[in-house]
Amino acid sequence: MTENELSYKIIGAAIEVHRTLGVGLLESAYESALLYELEHMGLNVKTQVHLPTVYKGFKIEKAYKVDMIVEEKVIIENKAVYELHPVDYFQTKTYLKLTGIKLALLINFNTPLLKDGIHRIVNQL
C-alpha cells in the first residue's frame, strides 16, 4: 500500500474517531481510539516510538517520541489543542527526517470540522 493509500485510510479513521468522540478530550483518548480503528482495518501500527539523536557524538536514546507510525510508511502526530503552533510542524518534520519516512499527518482533533485539523507534511528527502 502506498503512502497516499494509507493516508486516505488514516484520515477516514480519524474522521470516524472525531465523529464518535467529538471535541474536548485529551490527546491520549483520540490516540487510543485511532489505534483501535487502524488495527481494526488490519494495519500495523506502532505507538509512542522513541527516536534517538546524537549530540556531539553522544547518543541520546529517547530524544523524541513519535505518536504513531503506520506500516512503517506514515507518521501520525496527534494533537488536541486550541491551535497548532509552528513548533508542531517543525517537530513533525524532524520526525520525518530522523526516520526517513516520506509522509506525516499532523492531526488536531480539537477542531469543529476535522478536515480543518488535518495537515499533510512531506519529507523533502
PDB file of N, CA and C in Angstrom:
ATOM      1  N   MET A   1       0.848  -1.174   0.000  1.00  0.00           N
ATOM      2  CA  MET A   1       0.000   0.000   0.000  1.00  0.00           C
ATOM      3  C   MET A   1       0.897   1.241   0.000  1.00  0.00           C
ATOM      4  N   THR A   2       0.570   2.226  -0.810  1.00  0.00           N
ATOM      5  CA  THR A   2       1.374   3.447  -0.895  1.00  0.00           C
ATOM      6  C   THR A   2       1.063   4.382   0.273  1.00  0.00           C
ATOM      7  N   GLU A   3       1.906   5.381   0.431  1.00  0.00           N
ATOM      8  CA  GLU A   3       1.692   6.383   1.470  1.00  0.00           C
ATOM      9  C   GLU A   3       0.347   7.087   1.287  1.00  0.00           C
ATOM     10  N   ASN A   4       0.007   7.394   0.048  1.00  0.00           N
ATOM     11  CA  ASN A   4      -1.260   8.075  -0.221  1.00  0.00           C
ATOM     12  C   ASN A   4      -2.463   7.194   0.107  1.00  0.00           C
ATOM     13  N   GLU A   5      -2.367   5.908  -0.229  1.00  0.00           N
ATOM     14  CA  GLU A   5      -3.456   4.989   0.107  1.00  0.00           C
ATOM     15  C   GLU A   5      -3.605   4.858   1.622  1.00  0.00           C
ATOM     16  N   LEU A   6      -2.480   4.779   2.309  1.00  0.00           N
ATOM     17  CA  LEU A   6      -2.516   4.712   3.769  1.00  0.00           C
ATOM     18  C   LEU A   6      -3.101   5.985   4.371  1.00  0.00           C
ATOM     19  N   SER A   7      -2.684   7.129   3.849  1.00  0.00           N
ATOM     20  CA  SER A   7      -3.181   8.396   4.405  1.00  0.00           C
ATOM     21  C   SER A   7      -4.693   8.518   4.221  1.00  0.00           C
ATOM     22  N   TYR A   8      -5.202   8.012   3.113  1.00  0.00           N
ATOM     23  CA  TYR A   8      -6.652   8.016   2.878  1.00  0.00           C
ATOM     24  C   TYR A   8      -7.365   7.214   3.965  1.00  0.00           C
ATOM     25  N   LYS A   9      -6.825   6.017   4.275  1.00  0.00           N
ATOM     26  CA  LYS A   9      -7.424   5.174   5.316  1.00  0.00           C
ATOM     27  C   LYS A   9      -7.295   5.821   6.695  1.00  0.00           C
ATOM     28  N   ILE A  10      -6.135   6.406   6.972  1.00  0.00           N
ATOM     29  CA  ILE A  10      -5.900   7.045   8.268  1.00  0.00           C
ATOM     30  C   ILE A  10      -6.856   8.216   8.465  1.00  0.00           C
ATOM     31  N   ILE A  11      -7.028   9.027   7.438  1.00  0.00           N
ATOM     32  CA  ILE A  11      -7.932  10.175   7.539  1.00  0.00           C
ATOM     33  C   ILE A  11      -9.365   9.705   7.755  1.00  0.00           C
ATOM     34  N   GLY A  12      -9.763   8.664   7.059  1.00  0.00           N
ATOM     35  CA  GLY A  12     -11.103   8.108   7.274  1.00  0.00           C
ATOM     36  C   GLY A  12     -11.302   7.635   8.702  1.00  0.00           C
ATOM     37  N   ALA A  13     -10.280   6.971   9.246  1.00  0.00           N
ATOM     38  CA  ALA A  13     -10.352   6.500  10.635  1.00  0.00           C
ATOM     39  C   ALA A  13     -10.397   7.673  11.604  1.00  0.00           C
ATOM     40  N   ALA A  14      -9.608   8.704  11.337  1.00  0.00           N
ATOM     41  CA  ALA A  14      -9.596   9.890  12.205  1.00  0.00           C
ATOM     42  C   ALA A  14     -10.945  10.596  12.186  1.00  0.00           C
ATOM     43  N   ILE A  15     -11.565  10.655  11.025  1.00  0.00           N
ATOM     44  CA  ILE A  15     -12.897  11.270  10.917  1.00  0.00           C
ATOM     45  C   ILE A  15     -13.909  10.471  11.731  1.00  0.00           C
ATOM     46  N   GLU A  16     -13.820   9.159  11.674  1.00  0.00           N
ATOM     47  CA  GLU A  16     -14.722   8.311  12.465  1.00  0.00           C
ATOM     48  C   GLU A  16     -14.523   8.549  13.968  1.00  0.00           C
ATOM     49  N   VAL A  17     -13.275   8.645  14.392  1.00  0.00           N
ATOM     50  CA  VAL A  17     -12.976   8.914  15.807  1.00  0.00           C
ATOM     51  C   VAL A  17     -13.552  10.269  16.211  1.00  0.00           C
ATOM     52  N   HIS A  18     -13.320  11.270  15.397  1.00  0.00           N
ATOM     53  CA  HIS A  18     -13.798  12.627  15.692  1.00  0.00           C
ATOM     54  C   HIS A  18     -15.328  12.675  15.707  1.00  0.00           C
ATOM     55  N   ARG A  19     -15.944  11.994  14.764  1.00  0.00           N
ATOM     56  CA  ARG A  19     -17.406  11.960  14.683  1.00  0.00           C
ATOM     57  C   ARG A  19     -17.995  11.294  15.933  1.00  0.00           C
ATOM     58  N   THR A  20     -17.332  10.256  16.412  1.00  0.00           N
ATOM     59  CA  THR A  20     -17.828   9.498  17.558  1.00  0.00           C
ATOM     60  C   THR A  20     -17.532  10.190  18.888  1.00  0.00           C
ATOM     61  N   LEU A  21     -16.314  10.679  19.068  1.00  0.00           N
ATOM     62  CA  LEU A  21     -15.918  11.258  20.350  1.00  0.00           C
ATOM     63  C   LEU A  21     -16.174  12.758  20.473  1.00  0.00           C
ATOM     64  N   GLY A  22     -16.184  13.457  19.335  1.00  0.00           N
ATOM     65  CA  GLY A  22     -16.369  14.903  19.388  1.00  0.00           C
ATOM     66  C   GLY A  22     -15.100  15.631  19.814  1.00  0.00           C
ATOM     67  N   VAL A  23     -15.268  16.875  20.215  1.00  0.00           N
ATOM     68  CA  VAL A  23     -14.167  17.763  20.576  1.00  0.00           C
ATOM     69  C   VAL A  23     -14.069  17.852  22.096  1.00  0.00           C
ATOM     70  N   GLY A  24     -12.849  18.047  22.608  1.00  0.00           N
ATOM     71  CA  GLY A  24     -12.696  18.375  24.011  1.00  0.00           C
ATOM     72  C   GLY A  24     -12.044  17.328  24.889  1.00  0.00           C
ATOM     73  N   LEU A  25     -11.612  16.203  24.317  1.00  0.00           N
ATOM     74  CA  LEU A  25     -10.952  15.174  25.112  1.00  0.00           C
ATOM     75  C   LEU A  25      -9.435  15.364  25.084  1.00  0.00           C
ATOM     76  N   LEU A  26      -8.752  14.586  25.894  1.00  0.00           N
ATOM     77  CA  LEU A  26      -7.301  14.602  25.888  1.00  0.00           C
ATOM     78  C   LEU A  26      -6.769  13.892  24.642  1.00  0.00           C
ATOM     79  N   GLU A  27      -5.568  14.268  24.253  1.00  0.00           N
ATOM     80  CA  GLU A  27      -4.913  13.660  23.100  1.00  0.00           C
ATOM     81  C   GLU A  27      -4.855  12.134  23.218  1.00  0.00           C
ATOM     82  N   SER A  28      -4.604  11.643  24.419  1.00  0.00           N
ATOM     83  CA  SER A  28      -4.478  10.200  24.626  1.00  0.00           C
ATOM     84  C   SER A  28      -5.766   9.447  24.292  1.00  0.00           C
ATOM     85  N   ALA A  29      -6.914  10.060  24.513  1.00  0.00           N
ATOM     86  CA  ALA A  29      -8.190   9.411  24.177  1.00  0.00           C
ATOM     87  C   ALA A  29      -8.323   9.259  22.661  1.00  0.00           C
ATOM     88  N   TYR A  30      -7.993  10.313  21.933  1.00  0.00           N
ATOM     89  CA  TYR A  30      -8.075  10.246  20.471  1.00  0.00           C
ATOM     90  C   TYR A  30      -7.062   9.246  19.920  1.00  0.00           C
ATOM     91  N   GLU A  31      -5.872   9.238  20.495  1.00  0.00           N
ATOM     92  CA  GLU A  31      -4.846   8.311  20.024  1.00  0.00           C
ATOM     93  C   GLU A  31      -5.274   6.864  20.237  1.00  0.00           C
ATOM     94  N   SER A  32      -5.840   6.554  21.395  1.00  0.00           N
ATOM     95  CA  SER A  32      -6.293   5.187  21.669  1.00  0.00           C
ATOM     96  C   SER A  32      -7.413   4.775  20.721  1.00  0.00           C
ATOM     97  N   ALA A  33      -8.360   5.679  20.478  1.00  0.00           N
ATOM     98  CA  ALA A  33      -9.463   5.371  19.566  1.00  0.00           C
ATOM     99  C   ALA A  33      -8.960   5.208  18.132  1.00  0.00           C
ATOM    100  N   LEU A  34      -8.019   6.068  17.722  1.00  0.00           N
ATOM    101  CA  LEU A  34      -7.466   5.963  16.376  1.00  0.00           C
ATOM    102  C   LEU A  34      -6.686   4.654  16.226  1.00  0.00           C
ATOM    103  N   LEU A  35      -5.940   4.276  17.244  1.00  0.00           N
ATOM    104  CA  LEU A  35      -5.229   2.997  17.218  1.00  0.00           C
ATOM    105  C   LEU A  35      -6.220   1.848  17.033  1.00  0.00           C
ATOM    106  N   TYR A  36      -7.316   1.885  17.769  1.00  0.00           N
ATOM    107  CA  TYR A  36      -8.352   0.856  17.635  1.00  0.00           C
ATOM    108  C   TYR A  36      -8.848   0.779  16.193  1.00  0.00           C
ATOM    109  N   GLU A  37      -9.183   1.926  15.606  1.00  0.00           N
ATOM    110  CA  GLU A  37      -9.706   1.952  14.233  1.00  0.00           C
ATOM    111  C   GLU A  37      -8.684   1.411  13.231  1.00  0.00           C
ATOM    112  N   LEU A  38      -7.435   1.839  13.361  1.00  0.00           N
ATOM    113  CA  LEU A  38      -6.411   1.421  12.397  1.00  0.00           C
ATOM    114  C   LEU A  38      -6.104  -0.067  12.517  1.00  0.00           C
ATOM    115  N   GLU A  39      -6.013  -0.566  13.738  1.00  0.00           N
ATOM    116  CA  GLU A  39      -5.773  -2.001  13.912  1.00  0.00           C
ATOM    117  C   GLU A  39      -6.970  -2.818  13.441  1.00  0.00           C
ATOM    118  N   HIS A  40      -8.161  -2.273  13.634  1.00  0.00           N
ATOM    119  CA  HIS A  40      -9.375  -2.944  13.156  1.00  0.00           C
ATOM    120  C   HIS A  40      -9.355  -3.080  11.628  1.00  0.00           C
ATOM    121  N   MET A  41      -8.671  -2.153  10.951  1.00  0.00           N
ATOM    122  CA  MET A  41      -8.511  -2.219   9.492  1.00  0.00           C
ATOM    123  C   MET A  41      -7.408  -3.196   9.090  1.00  0.00           C
ATOM    124  N   GLY A  42      -6.711  -3.743  10.066  1.00  0.00           N
ATOM    125  CA  GLY A  42      -5.639  -4.681   9.774  1.00  0.00           C
ATOM    126  C   GLY A  42      -4.292  -4.025   9.527  1.00  0.00           C
ATOM    127  N   LEU A  43      -4.152  -2.762   9.898  1.00  0.00           N
ATOM    128  CA  LEU A  43      -2.892  -2.057   9.679  1.00  0.00           C
ATOM    129  C   LEU A  43      -1.935  -2.281  10.852  1.00  0.00           C
ATOM    130  N   ASN A  44      -0.652  -2.312  10.536  1.00  0.00           N
ATOM    131  CA  ASN A  44       0.384  -2.433  11.554  1.00  0.00           C
ATOM    132  C   ASN A  44       0.705  -1.037  12.078  1.00  0.00           C
ATOM    133  N   VAL A  45       0.504  -0.829  13.382  1.00  0.00           N
ATOM    134  CA  VAL A  45       0.698   0.489  13.977  1.00  0.00           C
ATOM    135  C   VAL A  45       1.603   0.365  15.195  1.00  0.00           C
ATOM    136  N   LYS A  46       2.623   1.217  15.231  1.00  0.00           N
ATOM    137  CA  LYS A  46       3.467   1.335  16.413  1.00  0.00           C
ATOM    138  C   LYS A  46       3.103   2.651  17.092  1.00  0.00           C
ATOM    139  N   THR A  47       3.021   2.639  18.420  1.00  0.00           N
ATOM    140  CA  THR A  47       2.686   3.860  19.149  1.00  0.00           C
ATOM    141  C   THR A  47       3.809   4.242  20.111  1.00  0.00           C
ATOM    142  N   GLN A  48       3.898   5.538  20.348  1.00  0.00           N
ATOM    143  CA  GLN A  48       4.871   6.091  21.290  1.00  0.00           C
ATOM    144  C   GLN A  48       6.276   5.538  21.025  1.00  0.00           C
ATOM    145  N   VAL A  49       6.729   5.726  19.784  1.00  0.00           N
ATOM    146  CA  VAL A  49       8.019   5.205  19.330  1.00  0.00           C
ATOM    147  C   VAL A  49       9.129   6.201  19.683  1.00  0.00           C
ATOM    148  N   HIS A  50      10.087   5.753  20.471  1.00  0.00           N
ATOM    149  CA  HIS A  50      11.225   6.598  20.844  1.00  0.00           C
ATOM    150  C   HIS A  50      12.230   6.650  19.704  1.00  0.00           C
ATOM    151  N   LEU A  51      12.726   7.851  19.426  1.00  0.00           N
ATOM    152  CA  LEU A  51      13.747   8.044  18.404  1.00  0.00           C
ATOM    153  C   LEU A  51      14.993   8.644  19.036  1.00  0.00           C
ATOM    154  N   PRO A  52      16.158   8.135  18.661  1.00  0.00           N
ATOM    155  CA  PRO A  52      17.400   8.691  19.199  1.00  0.00           C
ATOM    156  C   PRO A  52      17.900   9.877  18.373  1.00  0.00           C
ATOM    157  N   THR A  53      18.801  10.617  18.940  1.00  0.00           N
ATOM    158  CA  THR A  53      19.534  11.645  18.214  1.00  0.00           C
ATOM    159  C   THR A  53      20.942  11.673  18.776  1.00  0.00           C
ATOM    160  N   VAL A  54      21.837  12.346  18.087  1.00  0.00           N
ATOM    161  CA  VAL A  54      23.225  12.413  18.528  1.00  0.00           C
ATOM    162  C   VAL A  54      23.583  13.869  18.809  1.00  0.00           C
ATOM    163  N   TYR A  55      24.193  14.085  19.970  1.00  0.00           N
ATOM    164  CA  TYR A  55      24.657  15.408  20.365  1.00  0.00           C
ATOM    165  C   TYR A  55      26.149  15.322  20.635  1.00  0.00           C
ATOM    166  N   LYS A  56      26.955  15.973  19.778  1.00  0.00           N
ATOM    167  CA  LYS A  56      28.417  15.993  19.925  1.00  0.00           C
ATOM    168  C   LYS A  56      28.984  14.589  20.123  1.00  0.00           C
ATOM    169  N   GLY A  57      28.479  13.661  19.330  1.00  0.00           N
ATOM    170  CA  GLY A  57      28.957  12.289  19.390  1.00  0.00           C
ATOM    171  C   GLY A  57      28.312  11.446  20.475  1.00  0.00           C
ATOM    172  N   PHE A  58      27.491  12.044  21.307  1.00  0.00           N
ATOM    173  CA  PHE A  58      26.802  11.337  22.387  1.00  0.00           C
ATOM    174  C   PHE A  58      25.399  10.981  21.921  1.00  0.00           C
ATOM    175  N   LYS A  59      25.062   9.696  21.963  1.00  0.00           N
ATOM    176  CA  LYS A  59      23.746   9.245  21.513  1.00  0.00           C
ATOM    177  C   LYS A  59      22.723   9.402  22.633  1.00  0.00           C
ATOM    178  N   ILE A  60      21.675  10.147  22.341  1.00  0.00           N
ATOM    179  CA  ILE A  60      20.568  10.316  23.273  1.00  0.00           C
ATOM    180  C   ILE A  60      19.468   9.377  22.795  1.00  0.00           C
ATOM    181  N   GLU A  61      19.258   8.296  23.528  1.00  0.00           N
ATOM    182  CA  GLU A  61      18.353   7.230  23.088  1.00  0.00           C
ATOM    183  C   GLU A  61      16.894   7.676  22.946  1.00  0.00           C
ATOM    184  N   LYS A  62      16.398   8.434  23.894  1.00  0.00           N
ATOM    185  CA  LYS A  62      14.980   8.796  23.894  1.00  0.00           C
ATOM    186  C   LYS A  62      14.809  10.307  23.740  1.00  0.00           C
ATOM    187  N   ALA A  63      15.347  10.833  22.655  1.00  0.00           N
ATOM    188  CA  ALA A  63      15.299  12.272  22.417  1.00  0.00           C
ATOM    189  C   ALA A  63      13.914  12.721  21.942  1.00  0.00           C
ATOM    190  N   TYR A  64      13.242  11.874  21.197  1.00  0.00           N
ATOM    191  CA  TYR A  64      11.938  12.194  20.629  1.00  0.00           C
ATOM    192  C   TYR A  64      11.006  11.012  20.809  1.00  0.00           C
ATOM    193  N   LYS A  65       9.709  11.308  20.766  1.00  0.00           N
ATOM    194  CA  LYS A  65       8.725  10.228  20.844  1.00  0.00           C
ATOM    195  C   LYS A  65       7.623  10.507  19.821  1.00  0.00           C
ATOM    196  N   VAL A  66       7.537   9.646  18.807  1.00  0.00           N
ATOM    197  CA  VAL A  66       6.538   9.765  17.752  1.00  0.00           C
ATOM    198  C   VAL A  66       5.242   9.122  18.240  1.00  0.00           C
ATOM    199  N   ASP A  67       4.119   9.798  18.018  1.00  0.00           N
ATOM    200  CA  ASP A  67       2.839   9.257  18.466  1.00  0.00           C
ATOM    201  C   ASP A  67       2.522   7.924  17.804  1.00  0.00           C
ATOM    202  N   MET A  68       2.552   7.887  16.469  1.00  0.00           N
ATOM    203  CA  MET A  68       2.189   6.663  15.759  1.00  0.00           C
ATOM    204  C   MET A  68       2.969   6.551  14.452  1.00  0.00           C
ATOM    205  N   ILE A  69       3.331   5.321  14.113  1.00  0.00           N
ATOM    206  CA  ILE A  69       3.898   5.029  12.793  1.00  0.00           C
ATOM    207  C   ILE A  69       3.074   3.889  12.215  1.00  0.00           C
ATOM    208  N   VAL A  70       2.502   4.120  11.031  1.00  0.00           N
ATOM    209  CA  VAL A  70       1.616   3.149  10.392  1.00  0.00           C
ATOM    210  C   VAL A  70       2.346   2.482   9.236  1.00  0.00           C
ATOM    211  N   GLU A  71       2.422   1.159   9.307  1.00  0.00           N
ATOM    212  CA  GLU A  71       3.021   0.340   8.243  1.00  0.00           C
ATOM    213  C   GLU A  71       4.437   0.801   7.876  1.00  0.00           C
ATOM    214  N   GLU A  72       5.134   1.427   8.812  1.00  0.00           N
ATOM    215  CA  GLU A  72       6.492   1.945   8.581  1.00  0.00           C
ATOM    216  C   GLU A  72       6.545   2.962   7.442  1.00  0.00           C
ATOM    217  N   LYS A  73       5.375   3.551   7.080  1.00  0.00           N
ATOM    218  CA  LYS A  73       5.314   4.459   5.935  1.00  0.00           C
ATOM    219  C   LYS A  73       4.724   5.830   6.246  1.00  0.00           C
ATOM    220  N   VAL A  74       3.925   5.931   7.289  1.00  0.00           N
ATOM    221  CA  VAL A  74       3.265   7.202   7.597  1.00  0.00           C
ATOM    222  C   VAL A  74       3.356   7.466   9.101  1.00  0.00           C
ATOM    223  N   ILE A  75       3.801   8.666   9.434  1.00  0.00           N
ATOM    224  CA  ILE A  75       3.824   9.101  10.833  1.00  0.00           C
ATOM    225  C   ILE A  75       2.537   9.860  11.113  1.00  0.00           C
ATOM    226  N   ILE A  76       1.966   9.614  12.286  1.00  0.00           N
ATOM    227  CA  ILE A  76       0.811  10.396  12.734  1.00  0.00           C
ATOM    228  C   ILE A  76       1.209  11.096  14.018  1.00  0.00           C
ATOM    229  N   GLU A  77       1.064  12.405  14.012  1.00  0.00           N
ATOM    230  CA  GLU A  77       1.288  13.193  15.218  1.00  0.00           C
ATOM    231  C   GLU A  77      -0.073  13.731  15.639  1.00  0.00           C
ATOM    232  N   ASN A  78      -0.569  13.248  16.768  1.00  0.00           N
ATOM    233  CA  ASN A  78      -1.897  13.615  17.264  1.00  0.00           C
ATOM    234  C   ASN A  78      -1.808  14.807  18.206  1.00  0.00           C
ATOM    235  N   LYS A  79      -2.756  15.706  18.068  1.00  0.00           N
ATOM    236  CA  LYS A  79      -2.862  16.857  18.960  1.00  0.00           C
ATOM    237  C   LYS A  79      -4.323  17.046  19.334  1.00  0.00           C
ATOM    238  N   ALA A  80      -4.527  17.691  20.477  1.00  0.00           N
ATOM    239  CA  ALA A  80      -5.868  18.100  20.910  1.00  0.00           C
ATOM    240  C   ALA A  80      -5.697  19.465  21.573  1.00  0.00           C
ATOM    241  N   VAL A  81      -5.429  20.460  20.732  1.00  0.00           N
ATOM    242  CA  VAL A  81      -5.096  21.797  21.214  1.00  0.00           C
ATOM    243  C   VAL A  81      -5.989  22.841  20.549  1.00  0.00           C
ATOM    244  N   TYR A  82      -6.012  24.034  21.152  1.00  0.00           N
ATOM    245  CA  TYR A  82      -6.819  25.123  20.610  1.00  0.00           C
ATOM    246  C   TYR A  82      -6.349  25.486  19.201  1.00  0.00           C
ATOM    247  N   GLU A  83      -5.040  25.604  19.034  1.00  0.00           N
ATOM    248  CA  GLU A  83      -4.490  25.856  17.705  1.00  0.00           C
ATOM    249  C   GLU A  83      -3.084  25.273  17.624  1.00  0.00           C
ATOM    250  N   LEU A  84      -2.721  24.866  16.428  1.00  0.00           N
ATOM    251  CA  LEU A  84      -1.374  24.358  16.207  1.00  0.00           C
ATOM    252  C   LEU A  84      -0.401  25.526  16.124  1.00  0.00           C
ATOM    253  N   HIS A  85       0.821  25.285  16.566  1.00  0.00           N
ATOM    254  CA  HIS A  85       1.864  26.304  16.517  1.00  0.00           C
ATOM    255  C   HIS A  85       2.945  25.858  15.544  1.00  0.00           C
ATOM    256  N   PRO A  86       3.759  26.785  15.058  1.00  0.00           N
ATOM    257  CA  PRO A  86       4.828  26.396  14.131  1.00  0.00           C
ATOM    258  C   PRO A  86       5.712  25.275  14.665  1.00  0.00           C
ATOM    259  N   VAL A  87       5.940  25.226  15.972  1.00  0.00           N
ATOM    260  CA  VAL A  87       6.787  24.175  16.536  1.00  0.00           C
ATOM    261  C   VAL A  87       6.188  22.793  16.289  1.00  0.00           C
ATOM    262  N   ASP A  88       4.870  22.676  16.210  1.00  0.00           N
ATOM    263  CA  ASP A  88       4.236  21.382  15.924  1.00  0.00           C
ATOM    264  C   ASP A  88       4.630  20.883  14.536  1.00  0.00           C
ATOM    265  N   TYR A  89       4.688  21.798  13.581  1.00  0.00           N
ATOM    266  CA  TYR A  89       5.097  21.435  12.222  1.00  0.00           C
ATOM    267  C   TYR A  89       6.586  21.081  12.181  1.00  0.00           C
ATOM    268  N   PHE A  90       7.426  21.892  12.855  1.00  0.00           N
ATOM    269  CA  PHE A  90       8.864  21.627  12.880  1.00  0.00           C
ATOM    270  C   PHE A  90       9.159  20.279  13.538  1.00  0.00           C
ATOM    271  N   GLN A  91       8.455  19.994  14.627  1.00  0.00           N
ATOM    272  CA  GLN A  91       8.632  18.727  15.333  1.00  0.00           C
ATOM    273  C   GLN A  91       8.304  17.555  14.407  1.00  0.00           C
ATOM    274  N   THR A  92       7.200  17.655  13.696  1.00  0.00           N
ATOM    275  CA  THR A  92       6.789  16.585  12.797  1.00  0.00           C
ATOM    276  C   THR A  92       7.783  16.423  11.648  1.00  0.00           C
ATOM    277  N   LYS A  93       8.286  17.533  11.118  1.00  0.00           N
ATOM    278  CA  LYS A  93       9.304  17.453  10.066  1.00  0.00           C
ATOM    279  C   LYS A  93      10.571  16.786  10.580  1.00  0.00           C
ATOM    280  N   THR A  94      10.932  17.050  11.831  1.00  0.00           N
ATOM    281  CA  THR A  94      12.102  16.404  12.430  1.00  0.00           C
ATOM    282  C   THR A  94      11.900  14.904  12.521  1.00  0.00           C
ATOM    283  N   TYR A  95      10.703  14.480  12.892  1.00  0.00           N
ATOM    284  CA  TYR A  95      10.405  13.042  12.962  1.00  0.00           C
ATOM    285  C   TYR A  95      10.574  12.394  11.591  1.00  0.00           C
ATOM    286  N   LEU A  96      10.116  13.066  10.554  1.00  0.00           N
ATOM    287  CA  LEU A  96      10.284  12.531   9.198  1.00  0.00           C
ATOM    288  C   LEU A  96      11.763  12.398   8.858  1.00  0.00           C
ATOM    289  N   LYS A  97      12.522  13.427   9.178  1.00  0.00           N
ATOM    290  CA  LYS A  97      13.954  13.420   8.880  1.00  0.00           C
ATOM    291  C   LYS A  97      14.661  12.295   9.629  1.00  0.00           C
ATOM    292  N   LEU A  98      14.360  12.120  10.907  1.00  0.00           N
ATOM    293  CA  LEU A  98      15.035  11.102  11.714  1.00  0.00           C
ATOM    294  C   LEU A  98      14.677   9.678  11.294  1.00  0.00           C
ATOM    295  N   THR A  99      13.466   9.481  10.806  1.00  0.00           N
ATOM    296  CA  THR A  99      13.030   8.130  10.435  1.00  0.00           C
ATOM    297  C   THR A  99      13.249   7.812   8.963  1.00  0.00           C
ATOM    298  N   GLY A 100      13.359   8.842   8.128  1.00  0.00           N
ATOM    299  CA  GLY A 100      13.454   8.613   6.691  1.00  0.00           C
ATOM    300  C   GLY A 100      12.104   8.321   6.050  1.00  0.00           C
ATOM    301  N   ILE A 101      11.049   8.465   6.825  1.00  0.00           N
ATOM    302  CA  ILE A 101       9.693   8.254   6.306  1.00  0.00           C
ATOM    303  C   ILE A 101       9.297   9.468   5.473  1.00  0.00           C
ATOM    304  N   LYS A 102       8.507   9.249   4.411  1.00  0.00           N
ATOM    305  CA  LYS A 102       8.171  10.311   3.466  1.00  0.00           C
ATOM    306  C   LYS A 102       6.979  11.177   3.861  1.00  0.00           C
ATOM    307  N   LEU A 103       6.010  10.614   4.606  1.00  0.00           N
ATOM    308  CA  LEU A 103       4.756  11.335   4.838  1.00  0.00           C
ATOM    309  C   LEU A 103       4.356  11.298   6.302  1.00  0.00           C
ATOM    310  N   ALA A 104       3.862  12.446   6.768  1.00  0.00           N
ATOM    311  CA  ALA A 104       3.298  12.532   8.119  1.00  0.00           C
ATOM    312  C   ALA A 104       1.956  13.233   8.045  1.00  0.00           C
ATOM    313  N   LEU A 105       1.084  12.865   8.964  1.00  0.00           N
ATOM    314  CA  LEU A 105      -0.188  13.556   9.147  1.00  0.00           C
ATOM    315  C   LEU A 105      -0.190  14.154  10.547  1.00  0.00           C
ATOM    316  N   LEU A 106      -0.291  15.462  10.603  1.00  0.00           N
ATOM    317  CA  LEU A 106      -0.422  16.178  11.864  1.00  0.00           C
ATOM    318  C   LEU A 106      -1.912  16.424  12.039  1.00  0.00           C
ATOM    319  N   ILE A 107      -2.504  15.789  13.049  1.00  0.00           N
ATOM    320  CA  ILE A 107      -3.959  15.827  13.211  1.00  0.00           C
ATOM    321  C   ILE A 107      -4.315  16.492  14.534  1.00  0.00           C
ATOM    322  N   ASN A 108      -5.049  17.591  14.458  1.00  0.00           N
ATOM    323  CA  ASN A 108      -5.552  18.268  15.656  1.00  0.00           C
ATOM    324  C   ASN A 108      -7.037  17.923  15.791  1.00  0.00           C
ATOM    325  N   PHE A 109      -7.353  17.112  16.785  1.00  0.00           N
ATOM    326  CA  PHE A 109      -8.732  16.665  16.993  1.00  0.00           C
ATOM    327  C   PHE A 109      -9.606  17.729  17.650  1.00  0.00           C
ATOM    328  N   ASN A 110      -9.018  18.823  18.107  1.00  0.00           N
ATOM    329  CA  ASN A 110      -9.778  19.857  18.795  1.00  0.00           C
ATOM    330  C   ASN A 110     -10.257  20.938  17.814  1.00  0.00           C
ATOM    331  N   THR A 111     -10.904  20.500  16.748  1.00  0.00           N
ATOM    332  CA  THR A 111     -11.479  21.412  15.759  1.00  0.00           C
ATOM    333  C   THR A 111     -12.916  20.972  15.470  1.00  0.00           C
ATOM    334  N   PRO A 112     -13.822  21.935  15.272  1.00  0.00           N
ATOM    335  CA  PRO A 112     -15.210  21.559  14.974  1.00  0.00           C
ATOM    336  C   PRO A 112     -15.331  20.673  13.733  1.00  0.00           C
ATOM    337  N   LEU A 113     -14.559  21.002  12.687  1.00  0.00           N
ATOM    338  CA  LEU A 113     -14.503  20.176  11.471  1.00  0.00           C
ATOM    339  C   LEU A 113     -13.101  19.581  11.375  1.00  0.00           C
ATOM    340  N   LEU A 114     -13.012  18.274  11.455  1.00  0.00           N
ATOM    341  CA  LEU A 114     -11.691  17.647  11.492  1.00  0.00           C
ATOM    342  C   LEU A 114     -10.873  17.956  10.250  1.00  0.00           C
ATOM    343  N   LYS A 115     -11.526  18.134   9.116  1.00  0.00           N
ATOM    344  CA  LYS A 115     -10.762  18.423   7.886  1.00  0.00           C
ATOM    345  C   LYS A 115      -9.894  19.674   8.051  1.00  0.00           C
ATOM    346  N   ASP A 116     -10.302  20.587   8.933  1.00  0.00           N
ATOM    347  CA  ASP A 116      -9.507  21.789   9.194  1.00  0.00           C
ATOM    348  C   ASP A 116      -8.315  21.497  10.115  1.00  0.00           C
ATOM    349  N   GLY A 117      -8.317  20.335  10.750  1.00  0.00           N
ATOM    350  CA  GLY A 117      -7.255  19.975  11.671  1.00  0.00           C
ATOM    351  C   GLY A 117      -6.263  18.966  11.130  1.00  0.00           C
ATOM    352  N   ILE A 118      -6.405  18.585   9.856  1.00  0.00           N
ATOM    353  CA  ILE A 118      -5.514  17.588   9.261  1.00  0.00           C
ATOM    354  C   ILE A 118      -4.509  18.283   8.336  1.00  0.00           C
ATOM    355  N   HIS A 119      -3.231  18.017   8.577  1.00  0.00           N
ATOM    356  CA  HIS A 119      -2.172  18.634   7.787  1.00  0.00           C
ATOM    357  C   HIS A 119      -1.196  17.561   7.319  1.00  0.00           C
ATOM    358  N   ARG A 120      -1.006  17.508   6.006  1.00  0.00           N
ATOM    359  CA  ARG A 120      -0.031  16.574   5.407  1.00  0.00           C
ATOM    360  C   ARG A 120       1.325  17.257   5.380  1.00  0.00           C
ATOM    361  N   ILE A 121       2.328  16.536   5.838  1.00  0.00           N
ATOM    362  CA  ILE A 121       3.690  17.055   5.813  1.00  0.00           C
ATOM    363  C   ILE A 121       4.546  16.027   5.086  1.00  0.00           C
ATOM    364  N   VAL A 122       5.259  16.478   4.068  1.00  0.00           N
ATOM    365  CA  VAL A 122       6.046  15.587   3.225  1.00  0.00           C
ATOM    366  C   VAL A 122       7.522  15.807   3.500  1.00  0.00           C
ATOM    367  N   ASN A 123       8.265  14.720   3.621  1.00  0.00           N
ATOM    368  CA  ASN A 123       9.709  14.774   3.820  1.00  0.00           C
ATOM    369  C   ASN A 123      10.363  15.090   2.488  1.00  0.00           C
ATOM    370  N   GLN A 124      11.052  16.205   2.428  1.00  0.00           N
ATOM    371  CA  GLN A 124      11.754  16.615   1.208  1.00  0.00           C
ATOM    372  C   GLN A 124      13.147  15.986   1.176  1.00  0.00           C
ATOM    373  N   LEU A 125      13.186  14.647   1.104  1.00  0.00           N
ATOM    374  CA  LEU A 125      14.450  13.906   1.153  1.00  0.00           C
ATOM    375  C   LEU A 125      15.450  14.584   0.336  1.00  0.00           C
TER     376      LEU A 125
END
